[in-house]
Amino acid sequence: MFKGKKNASLVALALLGGLALLAYGFFFYHINQKNVRAAALGEEIALASETENLARSLTSLLSGTEAARTEFSRYFITHDSIVVFIERVERLGKNSGVAVSFSSVEEGKGRFTAYLTMEGGFANVYRFLELLEAMPYELEVARFTISVPPLPLQKEGALWEGEATIELLNFISTL
């Protein structure tokens, strides 16, 4: 009987030891899963923090260069700002004493061509050409002709007539 109690105690002790090992394994498995999840969350937080720092850096860079970008964009003409360019050329003609009108315009991929007609005194037309070439745009005067009416048709103070073809080389097309 003493031997049976000893065997029963050993079996109970083995069962308790097995249960303890099973519980120990179960708890360590769950702790390991929590550690893996915590590490993944830590990586997500680090990535989100890095993304936020990059966004702040880009925002700072953009705001720091805004004035320069605005100044830079004044030298390029887009489809949206072509009307402003045309108004500037017409105002340039008016300021130099020349009646300027656009007979036609053509917009192509990366280029803008304007055909002008003008009328005014010789010095005024010549001054208009000088001012046109001095505009803060990269433009090419492809053709420029001026003429005065023939002598029999001339009146006192006859006006010179001119035609010009200009091409904007700094035109940013949306086509």
N, C-alpha and C. Protein backbone atom coordinates (compact mmCIF):
# COMPACT_ATOMS: atom_id res chain seq x y z
N MET A 1 0.79 -1.16 0.00
CA MET A 1 0.00 0.00 0.00
C MET A 1 0.85 1.26 0.00
N PHE A 2 1.88 1.15 0.74
CA PHE A 2 2.79 2.27 0.76
C PHE A 2 3.37 2.51 -0.63
N LYS A 3 3.63 1.39 -1.33
CA LYS A 3 4.16 1.49 -2.66
C LYS A 3 3.12 2.09 -3.61
N GLY A 4 1.84 1.79 -3.44
CA GLY A 4 0.78 2.32 -4.29
C GLY A 4 0.60 3.81 -4.09
N LYS A 5 0.77 4.25 -2.85
CA LYS A 5 0.66 5.68 -2.57
C LYS A 5 1.82 6.43 -3.22
N LYS A 6 2.97 5.77 -3.19
CA LYS A 6 4.14 6.40 -3.76
C LYS A 6 3.96 6.54 -5.28
N ASN A 7 3.43 5.50 -5.91
CA ASN A 7 3.19 5.53 -7.35
C ASN A 7 2.11 6.57 -7.68
N ALA A 8 1.09 6.64 -6.89
CA ALA A 8 0.02 7.61 -7.13
C ALA A 8 0.55 9.03 -6.95
N SER A 9 1.40 9.21 -5.97
CA SER A 9 2.00 10.52 -5.76
C SER A 9 2.88 10.90 -6.94
N LEU A 10 3.64 9.91 -7.44
CA LEU A 10 4.50 10.18 -8.57
C LEU A 10 3.68 10.50 -9.83
N VAL A 11 2.61 9.78 -10.04
CA VAL A 11 1.74 10.03 -11.20
C VAL A 11 1.11 11.42 -11.05
N ALA A 12 0.64 11.78 -9.85
CA ALA A 12 0.05 13.08 -9.62
C ALA A 12 1.08 14.18 -9.82
N LEU A 13 2.27 13.93 -9.32
CA LEU A 13 3.34 14.90 -9.47
C LEU A 13 3.72 15.06 -10.96
N ALA A 14 3.75 13.97 -11.70
CA ALA A 14 4.06 14.01 -13.12
C ALA A 14 2.96 14.77 -13.87
N LEU A 15 1.71 14.50 -13.50
CA LEU A 15 0.59 15.21 -14.12
C LEU A 15 0.66 16.71 -13.81
N LEU A 16 0.93 17.02 -12.57
CA LEU A 16 1.06 18.43 -12.19
C LEU A 16 2.24 19.08 -12.93
N GLY A 17 3.34 18.37 -13.03
CA GLY A 17 4.51 18.89 -13.75
C GLY A 17 4.18 19.10 -15.23
N GLY A 18 3.46 18.12 -15.82
CA GLY A 18 3.06 18.25 -17.22
C GLY A 18 2.13 19.42 -17.43
N LEU A 19 1.16 19.57 -16.51
CA LEU A 19 0.24 20.71 -16.59
C LEU A 19 0.99 22.03 -16.42
N ALA A 20 1.95 22.05 -15.51
CA ALA A 20 2.74 23.26 -15.30
C ALA A 20 3.54 23.60 -16.56
N LEU A 21 4.15 22.57 -17.20
CA LEU A 21 4.89 22.81 -18.44
C LEU A 21 3.96 23.28 -19.56
N LEU A 22 2.78 22.67 -19.62
CA LEU A 22 1.81 23.07 -20.63
C LEU A 22 1.38 24.52 -20.40
N ALA A 23 1.09 24.89 -19.18
CA ALA A 23 0.70 26.26 -18.85
C ALA A 23 1.85 27.22 -19.14
N TYR A 24 3.07 26.78 -18.77
CA TYR A 24 4.26 27.59 -19.01
C TYR A 24 4.43 27.83 -20.51
N GLY A 25 4.31 26.82 -21.32
CA GLY A 25 4.41 26.93 -22.78
C GLY A 25 3.32 27.83 -23.36
N PHE A 26 2.10 27.65 -22.86
CA PHE A 26 0.97 28.45 -23.32
C PHE A 26 1.21 29.93 -23.04
N PHE A 27 1.63 30.24 -21.82
CA PHE A 27 1.87 31.64 -21.46
C PHE A 27 3.04 32.23 -22.26
N PHE A 28 4.10 31.47 -22.45
CA PHE A 28 5.23 31.97 -23.22
C PHE A 28 4.86 32.16 -24.69
N TYR A 29 4.03 31.31 -25.22
CA TYR A 29 3.56 31.48 -26.61
C TYR A 29 2.79 32.79 -26.75
N HIS A 30 1.89 33.05 -25.83
CA HIS A 30 1.12 34.30 -25.87
C HIS A 30 2.00 35.52 -25.64
N ILE A 31 2.96 35.41 -24.76
CA ILE A 31 3.89 36.52 -24.52
C ILE A 31 4.70 36.78 -25.78
N ASN A 32 5.12 35.71 -26.45
CA ASN A 32 5.88 35.86 -27.69
C ASN A 32 5.02 36.54 -28.77
N GLN A 33 3.75 36.15 -28.88
CA GLN A 33 2.85 36.78 -29.84
C GLN A 33 2.67 38.26 -29.54
N LYS A 34 2.55 38.61 -28.29
CA LYS A 34 2.41 40.01 -27.88
C LYS A 34 3.69 40.79 -28.22
N ASN A 35 4.86 40.17 -28.03
CA ASN A 35 6.12 40.82 -28.36
C ASN A 35 6.24 41.08 -29.87
N VAL A 36 5.81 40.08 -30.68
CA VAL A 36 5.84 40.24 -32.13
C VAL A 36 4.92 41.40 -32.53
N ARG A 37 3.74 41.44 -31.97
CA ARG A 37 2.78 42.51 -32.28
C ARG A 37 3.32 43.88 -31.83
N ALA A 38 3.95 43.92 -30.65
CA ALA A 38 4.52 45.17 -30.15
C ALA A 38 5.66 45.63 -31.06
N ALA A 39 6.48 44.71 -31.55
CA ALA A 39 7.57 45.07 -32.46
C ALA A 39 7.00 45.61 -33.77
N ALA A 40 5.94 44.99 -34.29
CA ALA A 40 5.31 45.46 -35.53
C ALA A 40 4.73 46.86 -35.33
N LEU A 41 4.07 47.08 -34.19
CA LEU A 41 3.53 48.41 -33.90
C LEU A 41 4.65 49.44 -33.77
N GLY A 42 5.75 49.05 -33.17
CA GLY A 42 6.90 49.95 -33.05
C GLY A 42 7.43 50.35 -34.42
N GLU A 43 7.50 49.38 -35.33
CA GLU A 43 7.95 49.68 -36.69
C GLU A 43 6.97 50.60 -37.41
N GLU A 44 5.67 50.37 -37.22
CA GLU A 44 4.65 51.23 -37.83
C GLU A 44 4.77 52.66 -37.30
N ILE A 45 4.98 52.79 -36.01
CA ILE A 45 5.13 54.12 -35.40
C ILE A 45 6.37 54.81 -35.95
N ALA A 46 7.48 54.07 -36.07
CA ALA A 46 8.71 54.65 -36.61
C ALA A 46 8.50 55.09 -38.05
N LEU A 47 7.82 54.27 -38.86
CA LEU A 47 7.55 54.62 -40.25
C LEU A 47 6.64 55.84 -40.34
N ALA A 48 5.60 55.88 -39.51
CA ALA A 48 4.69 57.04 -39.51
C ALA A 48 5.43 58.31 -39.09
N SER A 49 6.30 58.19 -38.12
CA SER A 49 7.09 59.33 -37.66
C SER A 49 8.02 59.82 -38.76
N GLU A 50 8.67 58.88 -39.45
CA GLU A 50 9.57 59.24 -40.54
C GLU A 50 8.80 59.91 -41.68
N THR A 51 7.61 59.38 -41.99
CA THR A 51 6.78 59.96 -43.04
C THR A 51 6.35 61.38 -42.66
N GLU A 52 5.97 61.57 -41.41
CA GLU A 52 5.57 62.89 -40.95
C GLU A 52 6.73 63.87 -41.01
N ASN A 53 7.93 63.43 -40.62
CA ASN A 53 9.10 64.30 -40.69
C ASN A 53 9.43 64.66 -42.13
N LEU A 54 9.28 63.71 -43.04
CA LEU A 54 9.52 63.99 -44.46
C LEU A 54 8.50 64.99 -44.99
N ALA A 55 7.23 64.83 -44.60
CA ALA A 55 6.18 65.76 -45.02
C ALA A 55 6.47 67.17 -44.50
N ARG A 56 6.90 67.27 -43.25
CA ARG A 56 7.25 68.58 -42.69
C ARG A 56 8.42 69.20 -43.44
N SER A 57 9.40 68.37 -43.76
CA SER A 57 10.57 68.85 -44.49
C SER A 57 10.18 69.37 -45.87
N LEU A 58 9.33 68.62 -46.57
CA LEU A 58 8.88 69.05 -47.90
C LEU A 58 8.05 70.32 -47.82
N THR A 59 7.19 70.41 -46.82
CA THR A 59 6.38 71.61 -46.64
C THR A 59 7.27 72.82 -46.38
N SER A 60 8.27 72.63 -45.55
CA SER A 60 9.22 73.70 -45.25
C SER A 60 9.99 74.10 -46.51
N LEU A 61 10.42 73.12 -47.28
CA LEU A 61 11.14 73.40 -48.52
C LEU A 61 10.26 74.16 -49.50
N LEU A 62 9.01 73.73 -49.66
CA LEU A 62 8.10 74.40 -50.58
C LEU A 62 7.81 75.82 -50.15
N SER A 63 7.58 76.02 -48.86
CA SER A 63 7.29 77.39 -48.40
C SER A 63 8.54 78.26 -48.49
N GLY A 64 9.72 77.67 -48.32
CA GLY A 64 10.95 78.43 -48.41
C GLY A 64 11.30 78.86 -49.82
N THR A 65 10.80 78.11 -50.81
CA THR A 65 11.11 78.43 -52.20
C THR A 65 9.93 79.04 -52.95
N GLU A 66 8.87 79.35 -52.23
CA GLU A 66 7.67 79.88 -52.88
C GLU A 66 7.93 81.17 -53.64
N ALA A 67 8.66 82.08 -53.03
CA ALA A 67 8.93 83.36 -53.69
C ALA A 67 9.77 83.14 -54.95
N ALA A 68 10.76 82.28 -54.85
CA ALA A 68 11.61 82.00 -56.03
C ALA A 68 10.81 81.30 -57.12
N ARG A 69 9.93 80.37 -56.74
CA ARG A 69 9.11 79.67 -57.74
C ARG A 69 8.14 80.64 -58.41
N THR A 70 7.59 81.56 -57.64
CA THR A 70 6.68 82.55 -58.21
C THR A 70 7.43 83.44 -59.19
N GLU A 71 8.61 83.89 -58.80
CA GLU A 71 9.43 84.72 -59.69
C GLU A 71 9.83 83.94 -60.93
N PHE A 72 10.19 82.69 -60.75
CA PHE A 72 10.61 81.84 -61.87
C PHE A 72 9.46 81.61 -62.84
N SER A 73 8.25 81.41 -62.31
CA SER A 73 7.11 81.12 -63.18
C SER A 73 6.69 82.35 -64.00
N ARG A 74 7.12 83.54 -63.59
CA ARG A 74 6.80 84.74 -64.36
C ARG A 74 7.50 84.75 -65.71
N TYR A 75 8.57 83.97 -65.86
CA TYR A 75 9.32 83.94 -67.10
C TYR A 75 8.84 82.86 -68.06
N PHE A 76 7.88 82.08 -67.65
CA PHE A 76 7.31 81.05 -68.51
C PHE A 76 5.85 81.35 -68.76
N ILE A 77 5.40 80.99 -69.92
CA ILE A 77 4.01 81.24 -70.28
C ILE A 77 3.34 79.89 -70.50
N THR A 78 2.18 79.74 -69.91
CA THR A 78 1.40 78.52 -70.07
C THR A 78 0.13 78.86 -70.83
N HIS A 79 -0.60 77.83 -71.16
CA HIS A 79 -1.88 78.03 -71.84
C HIS A 79 -2.79 78.95 -71.02
N ASP A 80 -2.71 78.83 -69.70
CA ASP A 80 -3.56 79.64 -68.83
C ASP A 80 -3.13 81.10 -68.76
N SER A 81 -1.85 81.38 -68.99
CA SER A 81 -1.37 82.75 -68.86
C SER A 81 -1.10 83.43 -70.20
N ILE A 82 -1.51 82.83 -71.31
CA ILE A 82 -1.22 83.40 -72.61
C ILE A 82 -1.97 84.72 -72.83
N VAL A 83 -3.15 84.83 -72.24
CA VAL A 83 -3.92 86.08 -72.38
C VAL A 83 -3.15 87.23 -71.74
N VAL A 84 -2.53 86.97 -70.61
CA VAL A 84 -1.73 88.01 -69.94
C VAL A 84 -0.58 88.45 -70.86
N PHE A 85 0.06 87.50 -71.52
CA PHE A 85 1.15 87.82 -72.44
C PHE A 85 0.63 88.70 -73.60
N ILE A 86 -0.49 88.31 -74.18
CA ILE A 86 -1.05 89.09 -75.29
C ILE A 86 -1.39 90.50 -74.84
N GLU A 87 -1.97 90.64 -73.65
CA GLU A 87 -2.29 91.97 -73.12
C GLU A 87 -1.04 92.80 -72.90
N ARG A 88 0.05 92.14 -72.45
CA ARG A 88 1.31 92.86 -72.25
C ARG A 88 1.87 93.37 -73.57
N VAL A 89 1.80 92.56 -74.61
CA VAL A 89 2.30 93.00 -75.92
C VAL A 89 1.46 94.16 -76.43
N GLU A 90 0.15 94.08 -76.29
CA GLU A 90 -0.72 95.18 -76.74
C GLU A 90 -0.44 96.45 -75.93
N ARG A 91 -0.23 96.30 -74.62
CA ARG A 91 0.08 97.47 -73.78
C ARG A 91 1.45 98.05 -74.16
N LEU A 92 2.39 97.19 -74.52
CA LEU A 92 3.71 97.62 -74.98
C LEU A 92 3.57 98.47 -76.24
N GLY A 93 2.70 98.03 -77.16
CA GLY A 93 2.45 98.81 -78.38
C GLY A 93 1.83 100.16 -78.06
N LYS A 94 0.85 100.14 -77.18
CA LYS A 94 0.17 101.39 -76.81
C LYS A 94 1.16 102.36 -76.17
N ASN A 95 2.01 101.85 -75.28
CA ASN A 95 2.99 102.70 -74.60
C ASN A 95 4.04 103.26 -75.56
N SER A 96 4.29 102.55 -76.65
CA SER A 96 5.28 103.05 -77.61
C SER A 96 4.63 103.80 -78.76
N GLY A 97 3.32 103.99 -78.72
CA GLY A 97 2.62 104.76 -79.74
C GLY A 97 2.32 103.98 -81.00
N VAL A 98 2.16 102.69 -80.87
CA VAL A 98 1.90 101.84 -82.02
C VAL A 98 0.60 101.09 -81.78
N ALA A 99 -0.25 101.07 -82.81
CA ALA A 99 -1.49 100.28 -82.71
C ALA A 99 -1.12 98.83 -83.08
N VAL A 100 -1.25 97.92 -82.12
CA VAL A 100 -0.87 96.52 -82.32
C VAL A 100 -2.11 95.66 -82.23
N SER A 101 -2.21 94.72 -83.15
CA SER A 101 -3.29 93.73 -83.05
C SER A 101 -2.73 92.37 -83.46
N PHE A 102 -3.30 91.36 -82.86
CA PHE A 102 -2.91 89.98 -83.16
C PHE A 102 -3.83 89.49 -84.28
N SER A 103 -3.25 89.20 -85.44
CA SER A 103 -4.07 88.70 -86.54
C SER A 103 -4.39 87.23 -86.36
N SER A 104 -3.47 86.46 -85.79
CA SER A 104 -3.75 85.05 -85.47
C SER A 104 -2.68 84.52 -84.53
N VAL A 105 -3.01 83.43 -83.87
CA VAL A 105 -2.07 82.76 -82.97
C VAL A 105 -2.17 81.26 -83.22
N GLU A 106 -1.07 80.57 -82.99
CA GLU A 106 -1.03 79.12 -83.12
C GLU A 106 -0.35 78.54 -81.89
N GLU A 107 -0.99 77.54 -81.32
CA GLU A 107 -0.41 76.86 -80.17
C GLU A 107 -0.11 75.43 -80.56
N GLY A 108 1.13 75.04 -80.39
CA GLY A 108 1.54 73.67 -80.66
C GLY A 108 2.22 73.09 -79.44
N LYS A 109 2.71 71.90 -79.58
CA LYS A 109 3.38 71.25 -78.45
C LYS A 109 4.70 71.98 -78.17
N GLY A 110 4.73 72.68 -77.06
CA GLY A 110 5.94 73.38 -76.64
C GLY A 110 6.24 74.66 -77.39
N ARG A 111 5.30 75.16 -78.17
CA ARG A 111 5.56 76.42 -78.87
C ARG A 111 4.27 77.20 -79.03
N PHE A 112 4.45 78.51 -79.13
CA PHE A 112 3.33 79.41 -79.34
C PHE A 112 3.80 80.44 -80.36
N THR A 113 3.06 80.58 -81.45
CA THR A 113 3.40 81.54 -82.51
C THR A 113 2.29 82.57 -82.62
N ALA A 114 2.68 83.83 -82.68
CA ALA A 114 1.71 84.92 -82.81
C ALA A 114 2.06 85.75 -84.04
N TYR A 115 1.04 86.12 -84.78
CA TYR A 115 1.18 86.97 -85.96
C TYR A 115 0.59 88.33 -85.62
N LEU A 116 1.41 89.36 -85.70
CA LEU A 116 1.01 90.72 -85.31
C LEU A 116 0.93 91.63 -86.52
N THR A 117 0.04 92.58 -86.43
CA THR A 117 0.04 93.71 -87.37
C THR A 117 0.15 94.97 -86.52
N MET A 118 0.81 95.97 -87.07
CA MET A 118 1.01 97.20 -86.30
C MET A 118 1.00 98.40 -87.22
N GLU A 119 0.76 99.55 -86.62
CA GLU A 119 0.73 100.79 -87.38
C GLU A 119 1.16 101.91 -86.46
N GLY A 120 2.08 102.74 -86.97
CA GLY A 120 2.56 103.86 -86.18
C GLY A 120 3.70 104.56 -86.90
N GLY A 121 4.26 105.57 -86.28
CA GLY A 121 5.41 106.27 -86.84
C GLY A 121 6.62 105.33 -86.88
N PHE A 122 7.57 105.63 -87.77
CA PHE A 122 8.73 104.75 -87.93
C PHE A 122 9.47 104.57 -86.61
N ALA A 123 9.75 105.66 -85.91
CA ALA A 123 10.49 105.58 -84.65
C ALA A 123 9.69 104.78 -83.61
N ASN A 124 8.38 104.94 -83.61
CA ASN A 124 7.54 104.22 -82.66
C ASN A 124 7.54 102.71 -82.95
N VAL A 125 7.43 102.36 -84.23
CA VAL A 125 7.42 100.94 -84.61
C VAL A 125 8.76 100.31 -84.25
N TYR A 126 9.84 101.04 -84.53
CA TYR A 126 11.17 100.53 -84.21
C TYR A 126 11.33 100.39 -82.69
N ARG A 127 10.83 101.34 -81.93
CA ARG A 127 10.90 101.26 -80.47
C ARG A 127 10.08 100.09 -79.96
N PHE A 128 8.92 99.84 -80.58
CA PHE A 128 8.10 98.69 -80.19
C PHE A 128 8.89 97.39 -80.39
N LEU A 129 9.60 97.28 -81.49
CA LEU A 129 10.42 96.08 -81.73
C LEU A 129 11.48 95.92 -80.65
N GLU A 130 12.14 97.02 -80.29
CA GLU A 130 13.15 96.97 -79.23
C GLU A 130 12.55 96.50 -77.91
N LEU A 131 11.39 97.06 -77.56
CA LEU A 131 10.73 96.69 -76.30
C LEU A 131 10.24 95.25 -76.34
N LEU A 132 9.77 94.82 -77.48
CA LEU A 132 9.31 93.44 -77.64
C LEU A 132 10.44 92.46 -77.39
N GLU A 133 11.59 92.75 -77.97
CA GLU A 133 12.74 91.87 -77.79
C GLU A 133 13.29 91.92 -76.36
N ALA A 134 13.02 92.99 -75.62
CA ALA A 134 13.51 93.14 -74.25
C ALA A 134 12.56 92.53 -73.21
N MET A 135 11.43 92.00 -73.66
CA MET A 135 10.48 91.40 -72.70
C MET A 135 11.16 90.24 -71.97
N PRO A 136 10.76 89.97 -70.74
CA PRO A 136 11.43 88.93 -69.95
C PRO A 136 11.00 87.50 -70.33
N TYR A 137 10.85 87.27 -71.60
CA TYR A 137 10.50 85.95 -72.10
C TYR A 137 11.50 85.58 -73.18
N GLU A 138 11.67 84.30 -73.35
CA GLU A 138 12.53 83.86 -74.44
C GLU A 138 11.67 83.77 -75.68
N LEU A 139 11.76 84.81 -76.49
CA LEU A 139 10.97 84.83 -77.71
C LEU A 139 11.87 85.15 -78.90
N GLU A 140 11.42 84.70 -80.02
CA GLU A 140 12.17 84.91 -81.26
C GLU A 140 11.28 85.66 -82.23
N VAL A 141 11.80 86.76 -82.76
CA VAL A 141 11.08 87.49 -83.79
C VAL A 141 11.47 86.81 -85.10
N ALA A 142 10.59 85.95 -85.60
CA ALA A 142 10.90 85.17 -86.79
C ALA A 142 10.82 86.03 -88.05
N ARG A 143 9.93 87.00 -88.05
CA ARG A 143 9.76 87.86 -89.22
C ARG A 143 9.28 89.22 -88.74
N PHE A 144 9.85 90.27 -89.33
CA PHE A 144 9.43 91.63 -88.99
C PHE A 144 9.58 92.49 -90.24
N THR A 145 8.48 93.00 -90.72
CA THR A 145 8.53 93.88 -91.90
C THR A 145 7.75 95.15 -91.60
N ILE A 146 8.29 96.26 -92.09
CA ILE A 146 7.57 97.53 -91.98
C ILE A 146 7.61 98.18 -93.36
N SER A 147 6.57 98.91 -93.64
CA SER A 147 6.51 99.61 -94.93
C SER A 147 5.70 100.88 -94.75
N VAL A 148 5.93 101.81 -95.64
CA VAL A 148 5.19 103.06 -95.65
C VAL A 148 4.38 103.06 -96.95
N PRO A 149 3.20 103.63 -96.94
CA PRO A 149 2.43 103.68 -98.18
C PRO A 149 3.22 104.38 -99.29
N PRO A 150 3.00 103.99 -100.55
CA PRO A 150 3.71 104.64 -101.67
C PRO A 150 3.46 106.15 -101.66
N LEU A 151 4.41 106.91 -102.23
CA LEU A 151 4.35 108.37 -102.21
C LEU A 151 3.02 108.95 -102.68
N PRO A 152 2.43 108.48 -103.76
CA PRO A 152 1.17 109.10 -104.18
C PRO A 152 0.06 108.92 -103.13
N LEU A 153 0.14 107.87 -102.32
CA LEU A 153 -0.92 107.62 -101.33
C LEU A 153 -0.59 108.21 -99.96
N GLN A 154 0.62 108.70 -99.80
CA GLN A 154 1.02 109.22 -98.51
C GLN A 154 0.35 110.55 -98.22
N LYS A 155 -0.01 110.70 -96.99
CA LYS A 155 -0.53 111.97 -96.52
C LYS A 155 0.52 112.54 -95.58
N GLU A 156 0.28 113.72 -95.12
CA GLU A 156 1.17 114.33 -94.15
C GLU A 156 1.22 113.45 -92.91
N GLY A 157 2.40 113.09 -92.44
CA GLY A 157 2.55 112.26 -91.25
C GLY A 157 2.06 110.84 -91.46
N ALA A 158 2.34 110.27 -92.62
CA ALA A 158 1.86 108.92 -92.93
C ALA A 158 2.39 107.92 -91.91
N LEU A 159 1.57 106.98 -91.58
CA LEU A 159 1.93 105.95 -90.61
C LEU A 159 2.54 104.75 -91.33
N TRP A 160 3.51 104.15 -90.66
CA TRP A 160 4.15 102.95 -91.18
C TRP A 160 3.32 101.75 -90.75
N GLU A 161 3.27 100.78 -91.62
CA GLU A 161 2.55 99.54 -91.32
C GLU A 161 3.57 98.44 -91.15
N GLY A 162 3.29 97.53 -90.23
CA GLY A 162 4.24 96.44 -90.01
C GLY A 162 3.54 95.13 -89.73
N GLU A 163 4.28 94.08 -89.98
CA GLU A 163 3.83 92.73 -89.66
C GLU A 163 4.98 92.01 -88.98
N ALA A 164 4.64 91.18 -88.02
CA ALA A 164 5.68 90.43 -87.31
C ALA A 164 5.16 89.05 -86.96
N THR A 165 6.08 88.13 -86.91
CA THR A 165 5.80 86.77 -86.43
C THR A 165 6.73 86.53 -85.26
N ILE A 166 6.14 86.26 -84.10
CA ILE A 166 6.98 85.98 -82.93
C ILE A 166 6.66 84.58 -82.42
N GLU A 167 7.71 83.92 -81.95
CA GLU A 167 7.56 82.58 -81.39
C GLU A 167 8.06 82.59 -79.96
N LEU A 168 7.23 82.11 -79.07
CA LEU A 168 7.63 82.00 -77.66
C LEU A 168 8.38 80.69 -77.49
N LEU A 169 9.61 80.79 -77.03
CA LEU A 169 10.41 79.58 -76.82
C LEU A 169 10.28 79.06 -75.40
N ASN A 170 9.73 79.86 -74.50
CA ASN A 170 9.54 79.41 -73.12
C ASN A 170 8.05 79.20 -72.83
N PHE A 171 7.36 78.65 -73.81
CA PHE A 171 5.95 78.34 -73.67
C PHE A 171 5.80 76.91 -73.19
N ILE A 172 5.01 76.72 -72.15
CA ILE A 172 4.77 75.38 -71.61
C ILE A 172 3.38 74.97 -72.04
N SER A 173 3.34 74.05 -72.97
CA SER A 173 2.07 73.63 -73.55
C SER A 173 1.44 72.52 -72.74
N THR A 174 0.12 72.49 -72.76
CA THR A 174 -0.61 71.39 -72.11
C THR A 174 -1.04 70.36 -73.12
N LEU A 175 -0.70 70.56 -74.39
CA LEU A 175 -1.09 69.60 -75.44
C LEU A 175 -0.18 68.40 -75.39
